[in-house]
Amino acid sequence: VQLVESGGGLVQAGGSLRLSCAASGHTFSSYTMGWFRQAPGKQREFVA
């Protein structure tokens, strides 16, 4: 499965962003999909 994220940026506290993840490949429709994040100096963590 190939995944490409987009939609990030700089916002002020209280603001909003919508991230997108375009998927292509084989049998991804049967997968669990997830979002993770990694802050500087920290481990990658689960989001949703």
ModelCIF file with pLDDT and N, C-alpha, C, O atoms, coordinates in Angstrom:
data_MODEL
#
_entry.id   MODEL 
#
_entity.id                         1 
_entity.type                       polymer 
_entity.pdbx_number_of_molecules   1 
#
_entity_poly.entity_id                      1 
_entity_poly.type                           'polypeptide(L)' 
_entity_poly.nstd_linkage                   no 
_entity_poly.nstd_monomer                   no 
_entity_poly.pdbx_seq_one_letter_code       VQLVESGGGLVQAGGSLRLSCAASGHTFSSYTMGWFRQAPGKQREFVA 
_entity_poly.pdbx_seq_one_letter_code_can   VQLVESGGGLVQAGGSLRLSCAASGHTFSSYTMGWFRQAPGKQREFVA 
_entity_poly.pdbx_strand_id                 A 
#
loop_
_entity_poly_seq.entity_id 
_entity_poly_seq.num 
_entity_poly_seq.mon_id 
_entity_poly_seq.hetero 
1 1  VAL n 
1 2  GLN n 
1 3  LEU n 
1 4  VAL n 
1 5  GLU n 
1 6  SER n 
1 7  GLY n 
1 8  GLY n 
1 9  GLY n 
1 10 LEU n 
1 11 VAL n 
1 12 GLN n 
1 13 ALA n 
1 14 GLY n 
1 15 GLY n 
1 16 SER n 
1 17 LEU n 
1 18 ARG n 
1 19 LEU n 
1 20 SER n 
1 21 CYS n 
1 22 ALA n 
1 23 ALA n 
1 24 SER n 
1 25 GLY n 
1 26 HIS n 
1 27 THR n 
1 28 PHE n 
1 29 SER n 
1 30 SER n 
1 31 TYR n 
1 32 THR n 
1 33 MET n 
1 34 GLY n 
1 35 TRP n 
1 36 PHE n 
1 37 ARG n 
1 38 GLN n 
1 39 ALA n 
1 40 PRO n 
1 41 GLY n 
1 42 LYS n 
1 43 GLN n 
1 44 ARG n 
1 45 GLU n 
1 46 PHE n 
1 47 VAL n 
1 48 ALA n 
#
_struct_asym.id          A 
_struct_asym.entity_id   1 
#
loop_
_ma_qa_metric.id 
_ma_qa_metric.mode 
_ma_qa_metric.name 
_ma_qa_metric.software_group_id 
_ma_qa_metric.type 
1 global pLDDT . pLDDT 
2 local  pLDDT . pLDDT 
#
_ma_qa_metric_global.metric_id      1 
_ma_qa_metric_global.metric_value   92.85 
_ma_qa_metric_global.model_id       1 
_ma_qa_metric_global.ordinal_id     1 
#
loop_
_ma_qa_metric_local.label_asym_id 
_ma_qa_metric_local.label_comp_id 
_ma_qa_metric_local.label_seq_id 
_ma_qa_metric_local.metric_id 
_ma_qa_metric_local.metric_value 
_ma_qa_metric_local.model_id 
_ma_qa_metric_local.ordinal_id 
A VAL 1  2 88.00 1 1  
A GLN 2  2 93.00 1 2  
A LEU 3  2 95.00 1 3  
A VAL 4  2 96.00 1 4  
A GLU 5  2 96.00 1 5  
A SER 6  2 97.00 1 6  
A GLY 7  2 97.00 1 7  
A GLY 8  2 98.00 1 8  
A GLY 9  2 98.00 1 9  
A LEU 10 2 98.00 1 10 
A VAL 11 2 98.00 1 11 
A GLN 12 2 98.00 1 12 
A ALA 13 2 98.00 1 13 
A GLY 14 2 98.00 1 14 
A GLY 15 2 98.00 1 15 
A SER 16 2 98.00 1 16 
A LEU 17 2 98.00 1 17 
A ARG 18 2 98.00 1 18 
A LEU 19 2 98.00 1 19 
A SER 20 2 98.00 1 20 
A CYS 21 2 97.00 1 21 
A ALA 22 2 95.00 1 22 
A ALA 23 2 93.00 1 23 
A SER 24 2 91.00 1 24 
A GLY 25 2 83.00 1 25 
A HIS 26 2 73.00 1 26 
A THR 27 2 63.00 1 27 
A PHE 28 2 67.00 1 28 
A SER 29 2 72.00 1 29 
A SER 30 2 75.00 1 30 
A TYR 31 2 83.00 1 31 
A THR 32 2 91.00 1 32 
A MET 33 2 94.00 1 33 
A GLY 34 2 96.00 1 34 
A TRP 35 2 97.00 1 35 
A PHE 36 2 98.00 1 36 
A ARG 37 2 98.00 1 37 
A GLN 38 2 98.00 1 38 
A ALA 39 2 97.00 1 39 
A PRO 40 2 92.00 1 40 
A GLY 41 2 94.00 1 41 
A LYS 42 2 96.00 1 42 
A GLN 43 2 96.00 1 43 
A ARG 44 2 96.00 1 44 
A GLU 45 2 96.00 1 45 
A PHE 46 2 96.00 1 46 
A VAL 47 2 97.00 1 47 
A ALA 48 2 97.00 1 48 
#
loop_
_atom_site.group_PDB 
_atom_site.id 
_atom_site.type_symbol 
_atom_site.label_atom_id 
_atom_site.label_alt_id 
_atom_site.label_comp_id 
_atom_site.label_asym_id 
_atom_site.label_entity_id 
_atom_site.label_seq_id 
_atom_site.pdbx_PDB_ins_code 
_atom_site.Cartn_x 
_atom_site.Cartn_y 
_atom_site.Cartn_z 
_atom_site.occupancy 
_atom_site.B_iso_or_equiv 
_atom_site.pdbx_formal_charge 
_atom_site.auth_seq_id 
_atom_site.auth_comp_id 
_atom_site.auth_asym_id 
_atom_site.auth_atom_id 
_atom_site.pdbx_PDB_model_num 
ATOM 1   N N  . VAL A 1 1  ? 0.846   -1.180 0.000  1.00 88.00 ? 1  VAL A N  1 
ATOM 2   C CA . VAL A 1 1  ? 0.000   0.000  0.000  1.00 88.00 ? 1  VAL A CA 1 
ATOM 3   C C  . VAL A 1 1  ? 0.888   1.238  0.000  1.00 88.00 ? 1  VAL A C  1 
ATOM 4   O O  . VAL A 1 1  ? 1.783   1.374  0.834  1.00 88.00 ? 1  VAL A O  1 
ATOM 5   N N  . GLN A 1 2  ? 0.634   2.123  -0.927 1.00 93.00 ? 2  GLN A N  1 
ATOM 6   C CA . GLN A 1 2  ? 1.343   3.388  -0.998 1.00 93.00 ? 2  GLN A CA 1 
ATOM 7   C C  . GLN A 1 2  ? 0.475   4.484  -0.403 1.00 93.00 ? 2  GLN A C  1 
ATOM 8   O O  . GLN A 1 2  ? -0.709  4.595  -0.721 1.00 93.00 ? 2  GLN A O  1 
ATOM 9   N N  . LEU A 1 3  ? 1.073   5.290  0.462  1.00 95.00 ? 3  LEU A N  1 
ATOM 10  C CA . LEU A 1 3  ? 0.348   6.324  1.176  1.00 95.00 ? 3  LEU A CA 1 
ATOM 11  C C  . LEU A 1 3  ? 1.081   7.652  1.045  1.00 95.00 ? 3  LEU A C  1 
ATOM 12  O O  . LEU A 1 3  ? 2.304   7.714  1.171  1.00 95.00 ? 3  LEU A O  1 
ATOM 13  N N  . VAL A 1 4  ? 0.327   8.706  0.792  1.00 96.00 ? 4  VAL A N  1 
ATOM 14  C CA . VAL A 1 4  ? 0.892   10.039 0.649  1.00 96.00 ? 4  VAL A CA 1 
ATOM 15  C C  . VAL A 1 4  ? 0.065   11.019 1.460  1.00 96.00 ? 4  VAL A C  1 
ATOM 16  O O  . VAL A 1 4  ? -1.121  11.209 1.192  1.00 96.00 ? 4  VAL A O  1 
ATOM 17  N N  . GLU A 1 5  ? 0.695   11.647 2.463  1.00 96.00 ? 5  GLU A N  1 
ATOM 18  C CA . GLU A 1 5  ? 0.011   12.630 3.291  1.00 96.00 ? 5  GLU A CA 1 
ATOM 19  C C  . GLU A 1 5  ? 0.137   14.022 2.695  1.00 96.00 ? 5  GLU A C  1 
ATOM 20  O O  . GLU A 1 5  ? 1.088   14.325 1.974  1.00 96.00 ? 5  GLU A O  1 
ATOM 21  N N  . SER A 1 6  ? -0.835  14.858 3.009  1.00 97.00 ? 6  SER A N  1 
ATOM 22  C CA . SER A 1 6  ? -0.787  16.261 2.645  1.00 97.00 ? 6  SER A CA 1 
ATOM 23  C C  . SER A 1 6  ? -1.681  17.041 3.595  1.00 97.00 ? 6  SER A C  1 
ATOM 24  O O  . SER A 1 6  ? -2.472  16.456 4.335  1.00 97.00 ? 6  SER A O  1 
ATOM 25  N N  . GLY A 1 7  ? -1.555  18.352 3.575  1.00 97.00 ? 7  GLY A N  1 
ATOM 26  C CA . GLY A 1 7  ? -2.446  19.205 4.340  1.00 97.00 ? 7  GLY A CA 1 
ATOM 27  C C  . GLY A 1 7  ? -1.856  19.829 5.581  1.00 97.00 ? 7  GLY A C  1 
ATOM 28  O O  . GLY A 1 7  ? -2.527  20.616 6.249  1.00 97.00 ? 7  GLY A O  1 
ATOM 29  N N  . GLY A 1 8  ? -0.620  19.503 5.909  1.00 98.00 ? 8  GLY A N  1 
ATOM 30  C CA . GLY A 1 8  ? 0.005   20.105 7.070  1.00 98.00 ? 8  GLY A CA 1 
ATOM 31  C C  . GLY A 1 8  ? 0.301   21.573 6.845  1.00 98.00 ? 8  GLY A C  1 
ATOM 32  O O  . GLY A 1 8  ? 0.181   22.087 5.734  1.00 98.00 ? 8  GLY A O  1 
ATOM 33  N N  . GLY A 1 9  ? 0.692   22.239 7.926  1.00 98.00 ? 9  GLY A N  1 
ATOM 34  C CA . GLY A 1 9  ? 1.003   23.651 7.831  1.00 98.00 ? 9  GLY A CA 1 
ATOM 35  C C  . GLY A 1 9  ? 1.177   24.282 9.187  1.00 98.00 ? 9  GLY A C  1 
ATOM 36  O O  . GLY A 1 9  ? 1.267   23.594 10.204 1.00 98.00 ? 9  GLY A O  1 
ATOM 37  N N  . LEU A 1 10 ? 1.225   25.601 9.194  1.00 98.00 ? 10 LEU A N  1 
ATOM 38  C CA . LEU A 1 10 ? 1.391   26.389 10.407 1.00 98.00 ? 10 LEU A CA 1 
ATOM 39  C C  . LEU A 1 10 ? 0.077   27.070 10.749 1.00 98.00 ? 10 LEU A C  1 
ATOM 40  O O  . LEU A 1 10 ? -0.497  27.780 9.923  1.00 98.00 ? 10 LEU A O  1 
ATOM 41  N N  . VAL A 1 11 ? -0.396  26.852 11.964 1.00 98.00 ? 11 VAL A N  1 
ATOM 42  C CA . VAL A 1 11 ? -1.636  27.469 12.423 1.00 98.00 ? 11 VAL A CA 1 
ATOM 43  C C  . VAL A 1 11 ? -1.463  27.965 13.845 1.00 98.00 ? 11 VAL A C  1 
ATOM 44  O O  . VAL A 1 11 ? -0.582  27.504 14.571 1.00 98.00 ? 11 VAL A O  1 
ATOM 45  N N  . GLN A 1 12 ? -2.305  28.906 14.240 1.00 98.00 ? 12 GLN A N  1 
ATOM 46  C CA . GLN A 1 12 ? -2.323  29.377 15.606 1.00 98.00 ? 12 GLN A CA 1 
ATOM 47  C C  . GLN A 1 12 ? -3.130  28.433 16.489 1.00 98.00 ? 12 GLN A C  1 
ATOM 48  O O  . GLN A 1 12 ? -4.003  27.710 16.008 1.00 98.00 ? 12 GLN A O  1 
ATOM 49  N N  . ALA A 1 13 ? -2.834  28.447 17.769 1.00 98.00 ? 13 ALA A N  1 
ATOM 50  C CA . ALA A 1 13 ? -3.608  27.657 18.715 1.00 98.00 ? 13 ALA A CA 1 
ATOM 51  C C  . ALA A 1 13 ? -5.090  27.978 18.576 1.00 98.00 ? 13 ALA A C  1 
ATOM 52  O O  . ALA A 1 13 ? -5.477  29.140 18.454 1.00 98.00 ? 13 ALA A O  1 
ATOM 53  N N  . GLY A 1 14 ? -5.910  26.937 18.597 1.00 98.00 ? 14 GLY A N  1 
ATOM 54  C CA . GLY A 1 14 ? -7.339  27.093 18.410 1.00 98.00 ? 14 GLY A CA 1 
ATOM 55  C C  . GLY A 1 14 ? -7.791  26.952 16.972 1.00 98.00 ? 14 GLY A C  1 
ATOM 56  O O  . GLY A 1 14 ? -8.989  26.871 16.701 1.00 98.00 ? 14 GLY A O  1 
ATOM 57  N N  . GLY A 1 15 ? -6.848  26.922 16.054 1.00 98.00 ? 15 GLY A N  1 
ATOM 58  C CA . GLY A 1 15 ? -7.172  26.791 14.654 1.00 98.00 ? 15 GLY A CA 1 
ATOM 59  C C  . GLY A 1 15 ? -7.398  25.358 14.233 1.00 98.00 ? 15 GLY A C  1 
ATOM 60  O O  . GLY A 1 15 ? -7.387  24.442 15.055 1.00 98.00 ? 15 GLY A O  1 
ATOM 61  N N  . SER A 1 16 ? -7.604  25.174 12.929 1.00 98.00 ? 16 SER A N  1 
ATOM 62  C CA . SER A 1 16 ? -7.930  23.863 12.383 1.00 98.00 ? 16 SER A CA 1 
ATOM 63  C C  . SER A 1 16 ? -7.097  23.553 11.157 1.00 98.00 ? 16 SER A C  1 
ATOM 64  O O  . SER A 1 16 ? -6.668  24.451 10.433 1.00 98.00 ? 16 SER A O  1 
ATOM 65  N N  . LEU A 1 17 ? -6.876  22.276 10.936 1.00 98.00 ? 17 LEU A N  1 
ATOM 66  C CA . LEU A 1 17 ? -6.262  21.760 9.725  1.00 98.00 ? 17 LEU A CA 1 
ATOM 67  C C  . LEU A 1 17 ? -6.928  20.444 9.371  1.00 98.00 ? 17 LEU A C  1 
ATOM 68  O O  . LEU A 1 17 ? -7.415  19.731 10.249 1.00 98.00 ? 17 LEU A O  1 
ATOM 69  N N  . ARG A 1 18 ? -6.950  20.121 8.089  1.00 98.00 ? 18 ARG A N  1 
ATOM 70  C CA . ARG A 1 18 ? -7.396  18.810 7.650  1.00 98.00 ? 18 ARG A CA 1 
ATOM 71  C C  . ARG A 1 18 ? -6.273  18.135 6.883  1.00 98.00 ? 18 ARG A C  1 
ATOM 72  O O  . ARG A 1 18 ? -5.827  18.624 5.846  1.00 98.00 ? 18 ARG A O  1 
ATOM 73  N N  . LEU A 1 19 ? -5.828  17.012 7.407  1.00 98.00 ? 19 LEU A N  1 
ATOM 74  C CA . LEU A 1 19 ? -4.810  16.221 6.754  1.00 98.00 ? 19 LEU A CA 1 
ATOM 75  C C  . LEU A 1 19 ? -5.462  15.182 5.852  1.00 98.00 ? 19 LEU A C  1 
ATOM 76  O O  . LEU A 1 19 ? -6.522  14.644 6.173  1.00 98.00 ? 19 LEU A O  1 
ATOM 77  N N  . SER A 1 20 ? -4.823  14.907 4.728  1.00 98.00 ? 20 SER A N  1 
ATOM 78  C CA . SER A 1 20 ? -5.305  13.903 3.797  1.00 98.00 ? 20 SER A CA 1 
ATOM 79  C C  . SER A 1 20 ? -4.247  12.838 3.598  1.00 98.00 ? 20 SER A C  1 
ATOM 80  O O  . SER A 1 20 ? -3.050  13.118 3.658  1.00 98.00 ? 20 SER A O  1 
ATOM 81  N N  . CYS A 1 21 ? -4.691  11.622 3.360  1.00 97.00 ? 21 CYS A N  1 
ATOM 82  C CA . CYS A 1 21 ? -3.806  10.496 3.079  1.00 97.00 ? 21 CYS A CA 1 
ATOM 83  C C  . CYS A 1 21 ? -4.364  9.752  1.885  1.00 97.00 ? 21 CYS A C  1 
ATOM 84  O O  . CYS A 1 21 ? -5.367  9.048  1.996  1.00 97.00 ? 21 CYS A O  1 
ATOM 85  N N  . ALA A 1 22 ? -3.720  9.906  0.750  1.00 95.00 ? 22 ALA A N  1 
ATOM 86  C CA . ALA A 1 22 ? -4.140  9.225  -0.468 1.00 95.00 ? 22 ALA A CA 1 
ATOM 87  C C  . ALA A 1 22 ? -3.521  7.841  -0.513 1.00 95.00 ? 22 ALA A C  1 
ATOM 88  O O  . ALA A 1 22 ? -2.309  7.691  -0.361 1.00 95.00 ? 22 ALA A O  1 
ATOM 89  N N  . ALA A 1 23 ? -4.352  6.831  -0.723 1.00 93.00 ? 23 ALA A N  1 
ATOM 90  C CA . ALA A 1 23 ? -3.914  5.442  -0.694 1.00 93.00 ? 23 ALA A CA 1 
ATOM 91  C C  . ALA A 1 23 ? -4.035  4.797  -2.063 1.00 93.00 ? 23 ALA A C  1 
ATOM 92  O O  . ALA A 1 23 ? -4.969  5.070  -2.816 1.00 93.00 ? 23 ALA A O  1 
ATOM 93  N N  . SER A 1 24 ? -3.084  3.943  -2.368 1.00 91.00 ? 24 SER A N  1 
ATOM 94  C CA . SER A 1 24 ? -3.139  3.151  -3.586 1.00 91.00 ? 24 SER A CA 1 
ATOM 95  C C  . SER A 1 24 ? -2.391  1.849  -3.349 1.00 91.00 ? 24 SER A C  1 
ATOM 96  O O  . SER A 1 24 ? -1.567  1.755  -2.439 1.00 91.00 ? 24 SER A O  1 
ATOM 97  N N  . GLY A 1 25 ? -2.679  0.851  -4.164 1.00 83.00 ? 25 GLY A N  1 
ATOM 98  C CA . GLY A 1 25 ? -2.013  -0.423 -4.021 1.00 83.00 ? 25 GLY A CA 1 
ATOM 99  C C  . GLY A 1 25 ? -3.000  -1.567 -3.958 1.00 83.00 ? 25 GLY A C  1 
ATOM 100 O O  . GLY A 1 25 ? -4.069  -1.525 -4.565 1.00 83.00 ? 25 GLY A O  1 
ATOM 101 N N  . HIS A 1 26 ? -2.620  -2.594 -3.209 1.00 73.00 ? 26 HIS A N  1 
ATOM 102 C CA . HIS A 1 26 ? -3.383  -3.825 -3.193 1.00 73.00 ? 26 HIS A CA 1 
ATOM 103 C C  . HIS A 1 26 ? -4.039  -4.078 -1.845 1.00 73.00 ? 26 HIS A C  1 
ATOM 104 O O  . HIS A 1 26 ? -3.391  -4.007 -0.801 1.00 73.00 ? 26 HIS A O  1 
ATOM 105 N N  . THR A 1 27 ? -5.299  -4.366 -1.881 1.00 63.00 ? 27 THR A N  1 
ATOM 106 C CA . THR A 1 27 ? -6.102  -4.852 -0.760 1.00 63.00 ? 27 THR A CA 1 
ATOM 107 C C  . THR A 1 27 ? -6.119  -3.925 0.452  1.00 63.00 ? 27 THR A C  1 
ATOM 108 O O  . THR A 1 27 ? -6.386  -4.376 1.566  1.00 63.00 ? 27 THR A O  1 
ATOM 109 N N  . PHE A 1 28 ? -5.843  -2.659 0.257  1.00 67.00 ? 28 PHE A N  1 
ATOM 110 C CA . PHE A 1 28 ? -5.844  -1.745 1.393  1.00 67.00 ? 28 PHE A CA 1 
ATOM 111 C C  . PHE A 1 28 ? -7.235  -1.537 1.962  1.00 67.00 ? 28 PHE A C  1 
ATOM 112 O O  . PHE A 1 28 ? -7.373  -1.113 3.110  1.00 67.00 ? 28 PHE A O  1 
ATOM 113 N N  . SER A 1 29 ? -8.256  -1.822 1.193  1.00 72.00 ? 29 SER A N  1 
ATOM 114 C CA . SER A 1 29 ? -9.613  -1.621 1.675  1.00 72.00 ? 29 SER A CA 1 
ATOM 115 C C  . SER A 1 29 ? -9.951  -2.518 2.857  1.00 72.00 ? 29 SER A C  1 
ATOM 116 O O  . SER A 1 29 ? -10.899 -2.233 3.588  1.00 72.00 ? 29 SER A O  1 
ATOM 117 N N  . SER A 1 30 ? -9.208  -3.580 3.058  1.00 75.00 ? 30 SER A N  1 
ATOM 118 C CA . SER A 1 30 ? -9.443  -4.477 4.179  1.00 75.00 ? 30 SER A CA 1 
ATOM 119 C C  . SER A 1 30 ? -8.560  -4.165 5.383  1.00 75.00 ? 30 SER A C  1 
ATOM 120 O O  . SER A 1 30 ? -8.645  -4.845 6.406  1.00 75.00 ? 30 SER A O  1 
ATOM 121 N N  . TYR A 1 31 ? -7.725  -3.156 5.270  1.00 83.00 ? 31 TYR A N  1 
ATOM 122 C CA . TYR A 1 31 ? -6.777  -2.820 6.330  1.00 83.00 ? 31 TYR A CA 1 
ATOM 123 C C  . TYR A 1 31 ? -7.387  -1.903 7.377  1.00 83.00 ? 31 TYR A C  1 
ATOM 124 O O  . TYR A 1 31 ? -8.393  -1.232 7.149  1.00 83.00 ? 31 TYR A O  1 
ATOM 125 N N  . THR A 1 32 ? -6.741  -1.903 8.523  1.00 91.00 ? 32 THR A N  1 
ATOM 126 C CA . THR A 1 32 ? -6.924  -0.831 9.481  1.00 91.00 ? 32 THR A CA 1 
ATOM 127 C C  . THR A 1 32 ? -6.026  0.333  9.070  1.00 91.00 ? 32 THR A C  1 
ATOM 128 O O  . THR A 1 32 ? -4.852  0.145  8.754  1.00 91.00 ? 32 THR A O  1 
ATOM 129 N N  . MET A 1 33 ? -6.588  1.522  9.079  1.00 94.00 ? 33 MET A N  1 
ATOM 130 C CA . MET A 1 33 ? -5.848  2.726  8.748  1.00 94.00 ? 33 MET A CA 1 
ATOM 131 C C  . MET A 1 33 ? -5.626  3.543  10.012 1.00 94.00 ? 33 MET A C  1 
ATOM 132 O O  . MET A 1 33 ? -6.437  3.501  10.938 1.00 94.00 ? 33 MET A O  1 
ATOM 133 N N  . GLY A 1 34 ? -4.535  4.279  10.047 1.00 96.00 ? 34 GLY A N  1 
ATOM 134 C CA . GLY A 1 34 ? -4.256  5.056  11.236 1.00 96.00 ? 34 GLY A CA 1 
ATOM 135 C C  . GLY A 1 34 ? -3.470  6.313  10.966 1.00 96.00 ? 34 GLY A C  1 
ATOM 136 O O  . GLY A 1 34 ? -2.803  6.451  9.941  1.00 96.00 ? 34 GLY A O  1 
ATOM 137 N N  . TRP A 1 35 ? -3.564  7.229  11.912 1.00 97.00 ? 35 TRP A N  1 
ATOM 138 C CA . TRP A 1 35 ? -2.739  8.430  11.943 1.00 97.00 ? 35 TRP A CA 1 
ATOM 139 C C  . TRP A 1 35 ? -1.843  8.371  13.169 1.00 97.00 ? 35 TRP A C  1 
ATOM 140 O O  . TRP A 1 35 ? -2.288  8.008  14.258 1.00 97.00 ? 35 TRP A O  1 
ATOM 141 N N  . PHE A 1 36 ? -0.585  8.730  12.987 1.00 98.00 ? 36 PHE A N  1 
ATOM 142 C CA . PHE A 1 36 ? 0.401   8.789  14.045 1.00 98.00 ? 36 PHE A CA 1 
ATOM 143 C C  . PHE A 1 36 ? 1.122   10.115 13.956 1.00 98.00 ? 36 PHE A C  1 
ATOM 144 O O  . PHE A 1 36 ? 1.064   10.791 12.928 1.00 98.00 ? 36 PHE A O  1 
ATOM 145 N N  . ARG A 1 37 ? 1.801   10.491 15.024 1.00 98.00 ? 37 ARG A N  1 
ATOM 146 C CA . ARG A 1 37 ? 2.556   11.734 14.992 1.00 98.00 ? 37 ARG A CA 1 
ATOM 147 C C  . ARG A 1 37 ? 3.844   11.578 15.780 1.00 98.00 ? 37 ARG A C  1 
ATOM 148 O O  . ARG A 1 37 ? 3.944   10.758 16.693 1.00 98.00 ? 37 ARG A O  1 
ATOM 149 N N  . GLN A 1 38 ? 4.822   12.382 15.405 1.00 98.00 ? 38 GLN A N  1 
ATOM 150 C CA . GLN A 1 38 ? 6.116   12.347 16.062 1.00 98.00 ? 38 GLN A CA 1 
ATOM 151 C C  . GLN A 1 38 ? 6.629   13.770 16.237 1.00 98.00 ? 38 GLN A C  1 
ATOM 152 O O  . GLN A 1 38 ? 6.921   14.461 15.261 1.00 98.00 ? 38 GLN A O  1 
ATOM 153 N N  . ALA A 1 39 ? 6.733   14.195 17.478 1.00 97.00 ? 39 ALA A N  1 
ATOM 154 C CA . ALA A 1 39 ? 7.269   15.504 17.804 1.00 97.00 ? 39 ALA A CA 1 
ATOM 155 C C  . ALA A 1 39 ? 8.785   15.418 17.899 1.00 97.00 ? 39 ALA A C  1 
ATOM 156 O O  . ALA A 1 39 ? 9.327   14.331 18.102 1.00 97.00 ? 39 ALA A O  1 
ATOM 157 N N  . PRO A 1 40 ? 9.478   16.544 17.754 1.00 92.00 ? 40 PRO A N  1 
ATOM 158 C CA . PRO A 1 40 ? 10.941  16.527 17.837 1.00 92.00 ? 40 PRO A CA 1 
ATOM 159 C C  . PRO A 1 40 ? 11.431  15.915 19.143 1.00 92.00 ? 40 PRO A C  1 
ATOM 160 O O  . PRO A 1 40 ? 10.986  16.299 20.225 1.00 92.00 ? 40 PRO A O  1 
ATOM 161 N N  . GLY A 1 41 ? 12.340  14.970 19.034 1.00 94.00 ? 41 GLY A N  1 
ATOM 162 C CA . GLY A 1 41 ? 12.917  14.342 20.205 1.00 94.00 ? 41 GLY A CA 1 
ATOM 163 C C  . GLY A 1 41 ? 12.028  13.339 20.907 1.00 94.00 ? 41 GLY A C  1 
ATOM 164 O O  . GLY A 1 41 ? 12.386  12.851 21.979 1.00 94.00 ? 41 GLY A O  1 
ATOM 165 N N  . LYS A 1 42 ? 10.885  13.019 20.339 1.00 96.00 ? 42 LYS A N  1 
ATOM 166 C CA . LYS A 1 42 ? 9.958   12.094 20.967 1.00 96.00 ? 42 LYS A CA 1 
ATOM 167 C C  . LYS A 1 42 ? 9.690   10.890 20.077 1.00 96.00 ? 42 LYS A C  1 
ATOM 168 O O  . LYS A 1 42 ? 9.984   10.899 18.882 1.00 96.00 ? 42 LYS A O  1 
ATOM 169 N N  . GLN A 1 43 ? 9.128   9.861  20.684 1.00 96.00 ? 43 GLN A N  1 
ATOM 170 C CA . GLN A 1 43 ? 8.753   8.664  19.949 1.00 96.00 ? 43 GLN A CA 1 
ATOM 171 C C  . GLN A 1 43 ? 7.487   8.911  19.130 1.00 96.00 ? 43 GLN A C  1 
ATOM 172 O O  . GLN A 1 43 ? 6.670   9.770  19.463 1.00 96.00 ? 43 GLN A O  1 
ATOM 173 N N  . ARG A 1 44 ? 7.346   8.153  18.072 1.00 96.00 ? 44 ARG A N  1 
ATOM 174 C CA . ARG A 1 44 ? 6.130   8.219  17.292 1.00 96.00 ? 44 ARG A CA 1 
ATOM 175 C C  . ARG A 1 44 ? 4.972   7.668  18.121 1.00 96.00 ? 44 ARG A C  1 
ATOM 176 O O  . ARG A 1 44 ? 5.099   6.619  18.754 1.00 96.00 ? 44 ARG A O  1 
ATOM 177 N N  . GLU A 1 45 ? 3.847   8.376  18.116 1.00 96.00 ? 45 GLU A N  1 
ATOM 178 C CA . GLU A 1 45 ? 2.720   7.981  18.940 1.00 96.00 ? 45 GLU A CA 1 
ATOM 179 C C  . GLU A 1 45 ? 1.445   7.860  18.130 1.00 96.00 ? 45 GLU A C  1 
ATOM 180 O O  . GLU A 1 45 ? 1.271   8.502  17.094 1.00 96.00 ? 45 GLU A O  1 
ATOM 181 N N  . PHE A 1 46 ? 0.572   7.026  18.629 1.00 96.00 ? 46 PHE A N  1 
ATOM 182 C CA . PHE A 1 46 ? -0.722  6.793  18.016 1.00 96.00 ? 46 PHE A CA 1 
ATOM 183 C C  . PHE A 1 46 ? -1.631  8.005  18.183 1.00 96.00 ? 46 PHE A C  1 
ATOM 184 O O  . PHE A 1 46 ? -1.639  8.640  19.237 1.00 96.00 ? 46 PHE A O  1 
ATOM 185 N N  . VAL A 1 47 ? -2.388  8.319  17.154 1.00 97.00 ? 47 VAL A N  1 
ATOM 186 C CA . VAL A 1 47 ? -3.378  9.389  17.208 1.00 97.00 ? 47 VAL A CA 1 
ATOM 187 C C  . VAL A 1 47 ? -4.792  8.835  17.036 1.00 97.00 ? 47 VAL A C  1 
ATOM 188 O O  . VAL A 1 47 ? -5.655  9.067  17.883 1.00 97.00 ? 47 VAL A O  1 
ATOM 189 N N  . ALA A 1 48 ? -5.032  8.103  15.946 1.00 97.00 ? 48 ALA A N  1 
ATOM 190 C CA . ALA A 1 48 ? -6.366  7.592  15.673 1.00 97.00 ? 48 ALA A CA 1 
ATOM 191 C C  . ALA A 1 48 ? -6.299  6.449  14.684 1.00 97.00 ? 48 ALA A C  1 
ATOM 192 O O  . ALA A 1 48 ? -7.331  5.881  14.325 1.00 97.00 ? 48 ALA A O  1 
#
